[in-house]
Structures are given as C-alpha cells and as structure tokens.
Amino acid sequence: MVLPHSVKVASVDFSLWLYSLKFSRTILSFGKIQIQYSTWLLF
C-alpha cells in the first residue's frame, strides 16, 4: 500500500512534534535564561 504524500508529511510532522515535546522543557528553560541574560545586558 502506497501512502499519499500528505500522509507521509503528516506522519513526519507528528514524529518531529513528539520529538520536540520531549525537549520542550529544556528549550523553554534555556530560552528563559537567554531572555533574562539579554534583558540584563540591555538594562
């Protein structure tokens, strides 16, 4: 069975989304640190 192209793209997007969910907390905390550091530099 050959899957349509849209289904393949959707499955890839879904796996990427799951992968990013695993590291979202790390990315968010790192982003907060970056924002705090840049605001500290600005002000």
Protein backbone atom coordinates (compact mmCIF):
# COMPACT_ATOMS: atom_id res chain seq x y z
CA MET A 1 0.00 0.00 0.00
CA VAL A 2 1.46 3.31 -1.09
CA LEU A 3 0.68 6.19 1.22
CA PRO A 4 -0.23 9.57 -0.22
CA HIS A 5 2.40 12.25 0.07
CA SER A 6 0.31 14.28 2.52
CA VAL A 7 0.06 11.31 4.89
CA LYS A 8 3.83 10.85 4.81
CA VAL A 9 4.38 14.53 5.56
CA ALA A 10 1.83 14.42 8.37
CA SER A 11 3.49 11.41 9.99
CA VAL A 12 6.91 13.08 9.76
CA ASP A 13 5.48 16.28 11.26
CA PHE A 14 3.89 14.26 14.06
CA SER A 15 7.12 12.44 14.92
CA LEU A 16 9.01 15.72 14.86
CA TRP A 17 6.35 17.21 17.14
CA LEU A 18 6.71 14.32 19.60
CA TYR A 19 10.47 14.67 19.45
CA SER A 20 10.27 18.39 20.17
CA LEU A 21 7.83 17.79 23.03
CA LYS A 22 10.46 15.70 24.81
CA PHE A 23 12.93 18.58 24.77
CA SER A 24 10.44 21.46 25.03
CA ARG A 25 11.09 21.98 28.74
CA THR A 26 14.84 22.11 28.24
CA ILE A 27 14.44 24.51 25.31
CA LEU A 28 11.99 26.68 27.24
CA SER A 29 14.20 26.92 30.31
CA PHE A 30 17.20 27.70 28.12
CA GLY A 31 15.16 30.34 26.30
CA LYS A 32 14.17 31.92 29.61
CA ILE A 33 17.81 32.08 30.65
CA GLN A 34 18.72 33.64 27.31
CA ILE A 35 15.92 36.22 27.63
CA GLN A 36 16.90 37.10 31.19
CA TYR A 37 20.55 37.42 30.17
CA SER A 38 19.78 39.61 27.15
CA THR A 39 17.45 41.87 29.15
CA TRP A 40 20.11 42.16 31.84
CA LEU A 41 22.56 43.24 29.15
CA LEU A 42 20.09 45.76 27.73
CA PHE A 43 19.05 47.35 31.02
